[in-house]
Amino acid sequence: LPAKGELDYIEPGTGDDLGVRWHPIEQYPDFITN
């Protein structure tokens, strides 16, 4: 995800205007294994 302060920054774990949820790749292992 873009770094905080960038124009395209999105708060990790939130949804966009369509409802797609965005997470940093570092959170993938815990999510997908559980």
PDB file of all heavy atoms in Angstrom:
ATOM      1  N   LEU A   1       0.827  -1.206   0.000  1.00  0.00           N
ATOM      2  CA  LEU A   1       0.000   0.000   0.000  1.00  0.00           C
ATOM      3  C   LEU A   1       0.866   1.262   0.000  1.00  0.00           C
ATOM      4  O   LEU A   1       2.013   1.245   0.447  1.00  0.00           O
ATOM      5  CB  LEU A   1      -0.914   0.009   1.229  1.00  0.00           C
ATOM      6  CG  LEU A   1      -1.936  -1.119   1.331  1.00  0.00           C
ATOM      7  CD1 LEU A   1      -2.763  -0.965   2.606  1.00  0.00           C
ATOM      8  CD2 LEU A   1      -2.839  -1.169   0.116  1.00  0.00           C
ATOM      9  N   PRO A   2       0.324   2.369  -0.500  1.00  0.00           N
ATOM     10  CA  PRO A   2       1.060   3.638  -0.476  1.00  0.00           C
ATOM     11  C   PRO A   2       1.368   4.071   0.956  1.00  0.00           C
ATOM     12  O   PRO A   2       0.608   3.784   1.889  1.00  0.00           O
ATOM     13  CB  PRO A   2       0.097   4.619  -1.154  1.00  0.00           C
ATOM     14  CG  PRO A   2      -0.850   3.759  -1.933  1.00  0.00           C
ATOM     15  CD  PRO A   2      -0.986   2.496  -1.158  1.00  0.00           C
ATOM     16  N   ALA A   3       2.474   4.766   1.121  1.00  0.00           N
ATOM     17  CA  ALA A   3       2.877   5.238   2.443  1.00  0.00           C
ATOM     18  C   ALA A   3       1.967   6.372   2.916  1.00  0.00           C
ATOM     19  O   ALA A   3       1.393   7.107   2.110  1.00  0.00           O
ATOM     20  CB  ALA A   3       4.328   5.704   2.404  1.00  0.00           C
ATOM     21  N   LYS A   4       1.845   6.504   4.221  1.00  0.00           N
ATOM     22  CA  LYS A   4       1.052   7.587   4.795  1.00  0.00           C
ATOM     23  C   LYS A   4       1.617   8.926   4.348  1.00  0.00           C
ATOM     24  O   LYS A   4       2.831   9.143   4.346  1.00  0.00           O
ATOM     25  CB  LYS A   4       1.062   7.495   6.322  1.00  0.00           C
ATOM     26  CG  LYS A   4       0.018   8.381   6.992  1.00  0.00           C
ATOM     27  CD  LYS A   4      -0.116   8.050   8.467  1.00  0.00           C
ATOM     28  CE  LYS A   4      -1.240   8.841   9.103  1.00  0.00           C
ATOM     29  NZ  LYS A   4      -1.425   8.497  10.541  1.00  0.00           N
ATOM     30  N   GLY A   5       0.744   9.833   3.946  1.00  0.00           N
ATOM     31  CA  GLY A   5       1.171  11.125   3.434  1.00  0.00           C
ATOM     32  C   GLY A   5       1.142  11.206   1.928  1.00  0.00           C
ATOM     33  O   GLY A   5       1.152  12.304   1.366  1.00  0.00           O
ATOM     34  N   GLU A   6       1.116  10.054   1.245  1.00  0.00           N
ATOM     35  CA  GLU A   6       1.006  10.038  -0.203  1.00  0.00           C
ATOM     36  C   GLU A   6      -0.422  10.387  -0.626  1.00  0.00           C
ATOM     37  O   GLU A   6      -1.381  10.143   0.119  1.00  0.00           O
ATOM     38  CB  GLU A   6       1.375   8.662  -0.759  1.00  0.00           C
ATOM     39  CG  GLU A   6       2.822   8.258  -0.530  1.00  0.00           C
ATOM     40  CD  GLU A   6       3.789   9.068  -1.364  1.00  0.00           C
ATOM     41  OE1 GLU A   6       3.411   9.467  -2.489  1.00  0.00           O
ATOM     42  OE2 GLU A   6       4.925   9.313  -0.910  1.00  0.00           O
ATOM     43  N   LEU A   7      -0.568  10.944  -1.824  1.00  0.00           N
ATOM     44  CA  LEU A   7      -1.886  11.355  -2.307  1.00  0.00           C
ATOM     45  C   LEU A   7      -2.851  10.176  -2.429  1.00  0.00           C
ATOM     46  O   LEU A   7      -4.065  10.340  -2.292  1.00  0.00           O
ATOM     47  CB  LEU A   7      -1.755  12.055  -3.665  1.00  0.00           C
ATOM     48  CG  LEU A   7      -1.054  13.418  -3.656  1.00  0.00           C
ATOM     49  CD1 LEU A   7      -0.874  13.921  -5.079  1.00  0.00           C
ATOM     50  CD2 LEU A   7      -1.859  14.426  -2.837  1.00  0.00           C
ATOM     51  N   ASP A   8      -2.307   8.979  -2.696  1.00  0.00           N
ATOM     52  CA  ASP A   8      -3.159   7.812  -2.892  1.00  0.00           C
ATOM     53  C   ASP A   8      -3.220   6.923  -1.651  1.00  0.00           C
ATOM     54  O   ASP A   8      -3.619   5.762  -1.724  1.00  0.00           O
ATOM     55  CB  ASP A   8      -2.680   6.990  -4.092  1.00  0.00           C
ATOM     56  CG  ASP A   8      -1.207   6.602  -3.996  1.00  0.00           C
ATOM     57  OD1 ASP A   8      -0.485   7.220  -3.198  1.00  0.00           O
ATOM     58  OD2 ASP A   8      -0.783   5.686  -4.717  1.00  0.00           O
ATOM     59  N   TYR A   9      -2.826   7.474  -0.499  1.00  0.00           N
ATOM     60  CA  TYR A   9      -2.827   6.702   0.746  1.00  0.00           C
ATOM     61  C   TYR A   9      -4.237   6.248   1.103  1.00  0.00           C
ATOM     62  O   TYR A   9      -5.213   6.984   0.944  1.00  0.00           O
ATOM     63  CB  TYR A   9      -2.255   7.547   1.883  1.00  0.00           C
ATOM     64  CG  TYR A   9      -2.359   6.897   3.247  1.00  0.00           C
ATOM     65  CD1 TYR A   9      -1.515   5.861   3.612  1.00  0.00           C
ATOM     66  CD2 TYR A   9      -3.320   7.328   4.167  1.00  0.00           C
ATOM     67  CE1 TYR A   9      -1.601   5.265   4.868  1.00  0.00           C
ATOM     68  CE2 TYR A   9      -3.419   6.741   5.429  1.00  0.00           C
ATOM     69  CZ  TYR A   9      -2.556   5.707   5.775  1.00  0.00           C
ATOM     70  OH  TYR A   9      -2.656   5.117   7.006  1.00  0.00           O
ATOM     71  N   ILE A  10      -4.347   5.008   1.589  1.00  0.00           N
ATOM     72  CA  ILE A  10      -5.595   4.500   2.153  1.00  0.00           C
ATOM     73  C   ILE A  10      -5.274   3.858   3.490  1.00  0.00           C
ATOM     74  O   ILE A  10      -4.258   3.165   3.634  1.00  0.00           O
ATOM     75  CB  ILE A  10      -6.283   3.484   1.208  1.00  0.00           C
ATOM     76  CG1 ILE A  10      -7.614   3.010   1.830  1.00  0.00           C
ATOM     77  CG2 ILE A  10      -5.371   2.314   0.861  1.00  0.00           C
ATOM     78  CD1 ILE A  10      -8.471   2.183   0.890  1.00  0.00           C
ATOM     79  N   GLU A  11      -6.069   4.111   4.473  1.00  0.00           N
ATOM     80  CA  GLU A  11      -5.858   3.541   5.800  1.00  0.00           C
ATOM     81  C   GLU A  11      -5.946   2.019   5.707  1.00  0.00           C
ATOM     82  O   GLU A  11      -6.943   1.466   5.229  1.00  0.00           O
ATOM     83  CB  GLU A  11      -6.928   4.052   6.770  1.00  0.00           C
ATOM     84  CG  GLU A  11      -6.745   3.608   8.200  1.00  0.00           C
ATOM     85  CD  GLU A  11      -5.564   4.278   8.881  1.00  0.00           C
ATOM     86  OE1 GLU A  11      -5.221   5.422   8.496  1.00  0.00           O
ATOM     87  OE2 GLU A  11      -4.996   3.661   9.801  1.00  0.00           O
ATOM     88  N   PRO A  12      -4.904   1.303   6.116  1.00  0.00           N
ATOM     89  CA  PRO A  12      -4.925  -0.159   6.034  1.00  0.00           C
ATOM     90  C   PRO A  12      -6.121  -0.757   6.766  1.00  0.00           C
ATOM     91  O   PRO A  12      -6.482  -0.333   7.858  1.00  0.00           O
ATOM     92  CB  PRO A  12      -3.614  -0.560   6.729  1.00  0.00           C
ATOM     93  CG  PRO A  12      -2.714   0.614   6.544  1.00  0.00           C
ATOM     94  CD  PRO A  12      -3.613   1.809   6.624  1.00  0.00           C
ATOM     95  N   GLY A  13      -6.757  -1.705   6.095  1.00  0.00           N
ATOM     96  CA  GLY A  13      -7.905  -2.381   6.692  1.00  0.00           C
ATOM     97  C   GLY A  13      -9.237  -1.734   6.397  1.00  0.00           C
ATOM     98  O   GLY A  13     -10.279  -2.237   6.827  1.00  0.00           O
ATOM     99  N   THR A  14      -9.236  -0.622   5.654  1.00  0.00           N
ATOM    100  CA  THR A  14     -10.489   0.059   5.345  1.00  0.00           C
ATOM    101  C   THR A  14     -10.946  -0.285   3.926  1.00  0.00           C
ATOM    102  O   THR A  14     -10.215  -0.857   3.131  1.00  0.00           O
ATOM    103  CB  THR A  14     -10.341   1.580   5.485  1.00  0.00           C
ATOM    104  OG1 THR A  14      -9.348   2.045   4.564  1.00  0.00           O
ATOM    105  CG2 THR A  14      -9.930   1.950   6.899  1.00  0.00           C
ATOM    106  N   GLY A  15     -12.181   0.103   3.630  1.00  0.00           N
ATOM    107  CA  GLY A  15     -12.738  -0.134   2.309  1.00  0.00           C
ATOM    108  C   GLY A  15     -12.707   1.127   1.457  1.00  0.00           C
ATOM    109  O   GLY A  15     -12.701   2.246   1.978  1.00  0.00           O
ATOM    110  N   ASP A  16     -12.683   0.931   0.129  1.00  0.00           N
ATOM    111  CA  ASP A  16     -12.734   2.084  -0.762  1.00  0.00           C
ATOM    112  C   ASP A  16     -14.184   2.414  -1.083  1.00  0.00           C
ATOM    113  O   ASP A  16     -15.112   1.889  -0.460  1.00  0.00           O
ATOM    114  CB  ASP A  16     -11.904   1.835  -2.028  1.00  0.00           C
ATOM    115  CG  ASP A  16     -12.399   0.626  -2.829  1.00  0.00           C
ATOM    116  OD1 ASP A  16     -13.580   0.235  -2.687  1.00  0.00           O
ATOM    117  OD2 ASP A  16     -11.598   0.063  -3.607  1.00  0.00           O
ATOM    118  N   ASP A  17     -14.404   3.297  -2.061  1.00  0.00           N
ATOM    119  CA  ASP A  17     -15.761   3.757  -2.332  1.00  0.00           C
ATOM    120  C   ASP A  17     -16.662   2.667  -2.916  1.00  0.00           C
ATOM    121  O   ASP A  17     -17.881   2.808  -2.916  1.00  0.00           O
ATOM    122  CB  ASP A  17     -15.749   4.992  -3.250  1.00  0.00           C
ATOM    123  CG  ASP A  17     -14.982   4.748  -4.541  1.00  0.00           C
ATOM    124  OD1 ASP A  17     -14.405   3.653  -4.708  1.00  0.00           O
ATOM    125  OD2 ASP A  17     -14.961   5.660  -5.384  1.00  0.00           O
ATOM    126  N   LEU A  18     -16.057   1.595  -3.415  1.00  0.00           N
ATOM    127  CA  LEU A  18     -16.845   0.467  -3.923  1.00  0.00           C
ATOM    128  C   LEU A  18     -17.046  -0.619  -2.871  1.00  0.00           C
ATOM    129  O   LEU A  18     -17.840  -1.535  -3.064  1.00  0.00           O
ATOM    130  CB  LEU A  18     -16.173  -0.155  -5.154  1.00  0.00           C
ATOM    131  CG  LEU A  18     -16.215   0.645  -6.454  1.00  0.00           C
ATOM    132  CD1 LEU A  18     -15.429  -0.094  -7.537  1.00  0.00           C
ATOM    133  CD2 LEU A  18     -17.651   0.873  -6.917  1.00  0.00           C
ATOM    134  N   GLY A  19     -16.294  -0.513  -1.780  1.00  0.00           N
ATOM    135  CA  GLY A  19     -16.385  -1.531  -0.741  1.00  0.00           C
ATOM    136  C   GLY A  19     -15.298  -2.585  -0.805  1.00  0.00           C
ATOM    137  O   GLY A  19     -15.341  -3.576  -0.058  1.00  0.00           O
ATOM    138  N   VAL A  20     -14.296  -2.407  -1.686  1.00  0.00           N
ATOM    139  CA  VAL A  20     -13.135  -3.301  -1.699  1.00  0.00           C
ATOM    140  C   VAL A  20     -12.293  -3.010  -0.456  1.00  0.00           C
ATOM    141  O   VAL A  20     -11.994  -1.855  -0.164  1.00  0.00           O
ATOM    142  CB  VAL A  20     -12.279  -3.098  -2.971  1.00  0.00           C
ATOM    143  CG1 VAL A  20     -11.031  -3.972  -2.921  1.00  0.00           C
ATOM    144  CG2 VAL A  20     -13.101  -3.399  -4.216  1.00  0.00           C
ATOM    145  N   ARG A  21     -11.907  -4.058   0.262  1.00  0.00           N
ATOM    146  CA  ARG A  21     -11.114  -3.885   1.472  1.00  0.00           C
ATOM    147  C   ARG A  21      -9.623  -4.014   1.141  1.00  0.00           C
ATOM    148  O   ARG A  21      -9.218  -4.927   0.447  1.00  0.00           O
ATOM    149  CB  ARG A  21     -11.499  -4.926   2.518  1.00  0.00           C
ATOM    150  CG  ARG A  21     -12.932  -4.758   3.028  1.00  0.00           C
ATOM    151  CD  ARG A  21     -13.344  -5.911   3.906  1.00  0.00           C
ATOM    152  NE  ARG A  21     -13.423  -7.161   3.146  1.00  0.00           N
ATOM    153  CZ  ARG A  21     -13.842  -8.319   3.653  1.00  0.00           C
ATOM    154  NH1 ARG A  21     -14.204  -8.394   4.924  1.00  0.00           N
ATOM    155  NH2 ARG A  21     -13.882  -9.402   2.895  1.00  0.00           N
ATOM    156  N   TRP A  22      -8.806  -3.077   1.670  1.00  0.00           N
ATOM    157  CA  TRP A  22      -7.383  -3.005   1.343  1.00  0.00           C
ATOM    158  C   TRP A  22      -6.538  -3.243   2.583  1.00  0.00           C
ATOM    159  O   TRP A  22      -6.720  -2.584   3.605  1.00  0.00           O
ATOM    160  CB  TRP A  22      -7.055  -1.642   0.739  1.00  0.00           C
ATOM    161  CG  TRP A  22      -7.683  -1.441  -0.605  1.00  0.00           C
ATOM    162  CD1 TRP A  22      -8.972  -1.097  -0.881  1.00  0.00           C
ATOM    163  CD2 TRP A  22      -7.030  -1.606  -1.869  1.00  0.00           C
ATOM    164  NE1 TRP A  22      -9.179  -1.040  -2.234  1.00  0.00           N
ATOM    165  CE2 TRP A  22      -8.001  -1.344  -2.872  1.00  0.00           C
ATOM    166  CE3 TRP A  22      -5.736  -1.937  -2.258  1.00  0.00           C
ATOM    167  CZ2 TRP A  22      -7.706  -1.408  -4.230  1.00  0.00           C
ATOM    168  CZ3 TRP A  22      -5.433  -1.999  -3.608  1.00  0.00           C
ATOM    169  CH2 TRP A  22      -6.412  -1.737  -4.579  1.00  0.00           C
ATOM    170  N   HIS A  23      -5.578  -4.182   2.469  1.00  0.00           N
ATOM    171  CA  HIS A  23      -4.688  -4.517   3.569  1.00  0.00           C
ATOM    172  C   HIS A  23      -3.247  -4.580   3.080  1.00  0.00           C
ATOM    173  O   HIS A  23      -2.991  -4.971   1.937  1.00  0.00           O
ATOM    174  CB  HIS A  23      -5.057  -5.888   4.172  1.00  0.00           C
ATOM    175  CG  HIS A  23      -6.388  -5.924   4.838  1.00  0.00           C
ATOM    176  ND1 HIS A  23      -6.556  -5.682   6.187  1.00  0.00           N
ATOM    177  CD2 HIS A  23      -7.623  -6.189   4.341  1.00  0.00           C
ATOM    178  CE1 HIS A  23      -7.849  -5.801   6.486  1.00  0.00           C
ATOM    179  NE2 HIS A  23      -8.510  -6.098   5.392  1.00  0.00           N
ATOM    180  N   PRO A  24      -2.286  -4.261   3.940  1.00  0.00           N
ATOM    181  CA  PRO A  24      -0.875  -4.424   3.568  1.00  0.00           C
ATOM    182  C   PRO A  24      -0.530  -5.900   3.415  1.00  0.00           C
ATOM    183  O   PRO A  24      -1.092  -6.751   4.112  1.00  0.00           O
ATOM    184  CB  PRO A  24      -0.119  -3.779   4.729  1.00  0.00           C
ATOM    185  CG  PRO A  24      -1.075  -3.821   5.878  1.00  0.00           C
ATOM    186  CD  PRO A  24      -2.452  -3.695   5.290  1.00  0.00           C
ATOM    187  N   ILE A  25       0.391  -6.204   2.513  1.00  0.00           N
ATOM    188  CA  ILE A  25       0.738  -7.583   2.225  1.00  0.00           C
ATOM    189  C   ILE A  25       1.254  -8.310   3.463  1.00  0.00           C
ATOM    190  O   ILE A  25       1.113  -9.542   3.575  1.00  0.00           O
ATOM    191  CB  ILE A  25       1.780  -7.637   1.078  1.00  0.00           C
ATOM    192  CG1 ILE A  25       1.926  -9.058   0.528  1.00  0.00           C
ATOM    193  CG2 ILE A  25       3.117  -7.065   1.529  1.00  0.00           C
ATOM    194  CD1 ILE A  25       0.711  -9.582  -0.172  1.00  0.00           C
ATOM    195  N   GLU A  26       1.800  -7.570   4.429  1.00  0.00           N
ATOM    196  CA  GLU A  26       2.328  -8.191   5.641  1.00  0.00           C
ATOM    197  C   GLU A  26       1.244  -8.881   6.460  1.00  0.00           C
ATOM    198  O   GLU A  26       1.528  -9.786   7.255  1.00  0.00           O
ATOM    199  CB  GLU A  26       3.035  -7.143   6.512  1.00  0.00           C
ATOM    200  CG  GLU A  26       4.310  -6.584   5.919  1.00  0.00           C
ATOM    201  CD  GLU A  26       4.049  -5.511   4.875  1.00  0.00           C
ATOM    202  OE1 GLU A  26       2.889  -5.052   4.751  1.00  0.00           O
ATOM    203  OE2 GLU A  26       5.014  -5.131   4.175  1.00  0.00           O
ATOM    204  N   GLN A  27      -0.010  -8.477   6.275  1.00  0.00           N
ATOM    205  CA  GLN A  27      -1.106  -9.074   7.038  1.00  0.00           C
ATOM    206  C   GLN A  27      -1.676 -10.326   6.357  1.00  0.00           C
ATOM    207  O   GLN A  27      -2.545 -10.994   6.919  1.00  0.00           O
ATOM    208  CB  GLN A  27      -2.217  -8.044   7.242  1.00  0.00           C
ATOM    209  CG  GLN A  27      -1.809  -6.871   8.124  1.00  0.00           C
ATOM    210  CD  GLN A  27      -2.933  -5.858   8.284  1.00  0.00           C
ATOM    211  OE1 GLN A  27      -4.030  -6.018   7.741  1.00  0.00           O
ATOM    212  NE2 GLN A  27      -2.660  -4.795   9.030  1.00  0.00           N
ATOM    213  N   TYR A  28      -1.191 -10.629   5.168  1.00  0.00           N
ATOM    214  CA  TYR A  28      -1.743 -11.755   4.408  1.00  0.00           C
ATOM    215  C   TYR A  28      -1.587 -13.101   5.108  1.00  0.00           C
ATOM    216  O   TYR A  28      -2.566 -13.868   5.189  1.00  0.00           O
ATOM    217  CB  TYR A  28      -1.104 -11.810   3.025  1.00  0.00           C
ATOM    218  CG  TYR A  28      -1.431 -13.050   2.237  1.00  0.00           C
ATOM    219  CD1 TYR A  28      -2.645 -13.170   1.563  1.00  0.00           C
ATOM    220  CD2 TYR A  28      -0.522 -14.109   2.165  1.00  0.00           C
ATOM    221  CE1 TYR A  28      -2.945 -14.319   0.845  1.00  0.00           C
ATOM    222  CE2 TYR A  28      -0.822 -15.258   1.439  1.00  0.00           C
ATOM    223  CZ  TYR A  28      -2.032 -15.357   0.791  1.00  0.00           C
ATOM    224  OH  TYR A  28      -2.332 -16.494   0.091  1.00  0.00           O
ATOM    225  N   PRO A  29      -0.403 -13.477   5.619  1.00  0.00           N
ATOM    226  CA  PRO A  29      -0.264 -14.820   6.208  1.00  0.00           C
ATOM    227  C   PRO A  29      -1.255 -15.111   7.330  1.00  0.00           C
ATOM    228  O   PRO A  29      -1.882 -16.173   7.349  1.00  0.00           O
ATOM    229  CB  PRO A  29       1.184 -14.828   6.719  1.00  0.00           C
ATOM    230  CG  PRO A  29       1.889 -13.842   5.853  1.00  0.00           C
ATOM    231  CD  PRO A  29       0.890 -12.753   5.615  1.00  0.00           C
ATOM    232  N   ASP A  30      -1.403 -14.191   8.266  1.00  0.00           N
ATOM    233  CA  ASP A  30      -2.331 -14.419   9.376  1.00  0.00           C
ATOM    234  C   ASP A  30      -3.765 -14.557   8.886  1.00  0.00           C
ATOM    235  O   ASP A  30      -4.526 -15.397   9.380  1.00  0.00           O
ATOM    236  CB  ASP A  30      -2.246 -13.272  10.389  1.00  0.00           C
ATOM    237  CG  ASP A  30      -0.994 -13.353  11.245  1.00  0.00           C
ATOM    238  OD1 ASP A  30      -0.376 -14.441  11.292  1.00  0.00           O
ATOM    239  OD2 ASP A  30      -0.628 -12.331  11.853  1.00  0.00           O
ATOM    240  N   PHE A  31      -4.134 -13.730   7.904  1.00  0.00           N
ATOM    241  CA  PHE A  31      -5.503 -13.765   7.402  1.00  0.00           C
ATOM    242  C   PHE A  31      -5.796 -15.070   6.673  1.00  0.00           C
ATOM    243  O   PHE A  31      -6.771 -15.757   6.966  1.00  0.00           O
ATOM    244  CB  PHE A  31      -5.742 -12.579   6.470  1.00  0.00           C
ATOM    245  CG  PHE A  31      -7.127 -12.539   5.875  1.00  0.00           C
ATOM    246  CD1 PHE A  31      -8.143 -11.832   6.498  1.00  0.00           C
ATOM    247  CD2 PHE A  31      -7.419 -13.207   4.692  1.00  0.00           C
ATOM    248  CE1 PHE A  31      -9.431 -11.797   5.963  1.00  0.00           C
ATOM    249  CE2 PHE A  31      -8.700 -13.186   4.146  1.00  0.00           C
ATOM    250  CZ  PHE A  31      -9.701 -12.479   4.789  1.00  0.00           C
ATOM    251  N   ILE A  32      -4.937 -15.435   5.721  1.00  0.00           N
ATOM    252  CA  ILE A  32      -5.260 -16.547   4.832  1.00  0.00           C
ATOM    253  C   ILE A  32      -5.156 -17.898   5.536  1.00  0.00           C
ATOM    254  O   ILE A  32      -5.804 -18.871   5.130  1.00  0.00           O
ATOM    255  CB  ILE A  32      -4.371 -16.512   3.568  1.00  0.00           C
ATOM    256  CG1 ILE A  32      -5.065 -17.229   2.413  1.00  0.00           C
ATOM    257  CG2 ILE A  32      -2.997 -17.086   3.845  1.00  0.00           C
ATOM    258  CD1 ILE A  32      -6.371 -16.606   1.961  1.00  0.00           C
ATOM    259  N   THR A  33      -4.365 -17.989   6.592  1.00  0.00           N
ATOM    260  CA  THR A  33      -4.261 -19.255   7.311  1.00  0.00           C
ATOM    261  C   THR A  33      -5.398 -19.450   8.309  1.00  0.00           C
ATOM    262  O   THR A  33      -5.594 -20.562   8.801  1.00  0.00           O
ATOM    263  CB  THR A  33      -2.916 -19.351   8.061  1.00  0.00           C
ATOM    264  OG1 THR A  33      -2.760 -18.208   8.895  1.00  0.00           O
ATOM    265  CG2 THR A  33      -1.761 -19.442   7.076  1.00  0.00           C
ATOM    266  N   ASN A  34      -6.146 -18.407   8.571  1.00  0.00           N
ATOM    267  CA  ASN A  34      -7.195 -18.504   9.593  1.00  0.00           C
ATOM    268  C   ASN A  34      -8.590 -18.162   9.092  1.00  0.00           C
ATOM    269  O   ASN A  34      -9.549 -18.235   9.862  1.00  0.00           O
ATOM    270  CB  ASN A  34      -6.862 -17.570  10.761  1.00  0.00           C
ATOM    271  CG  ASN A  34      -5.624 -17.999  11.514  1.00  0.00           C
ATOM    272  OD1 ASN A  34      -5.641 -18.994  12.229  1.00  0.00           O
ATOM    273  ND2 ASN A  34      -4.533 -17.265  11.338  1.00  0.00           N
TER     274      ASN A  34
END
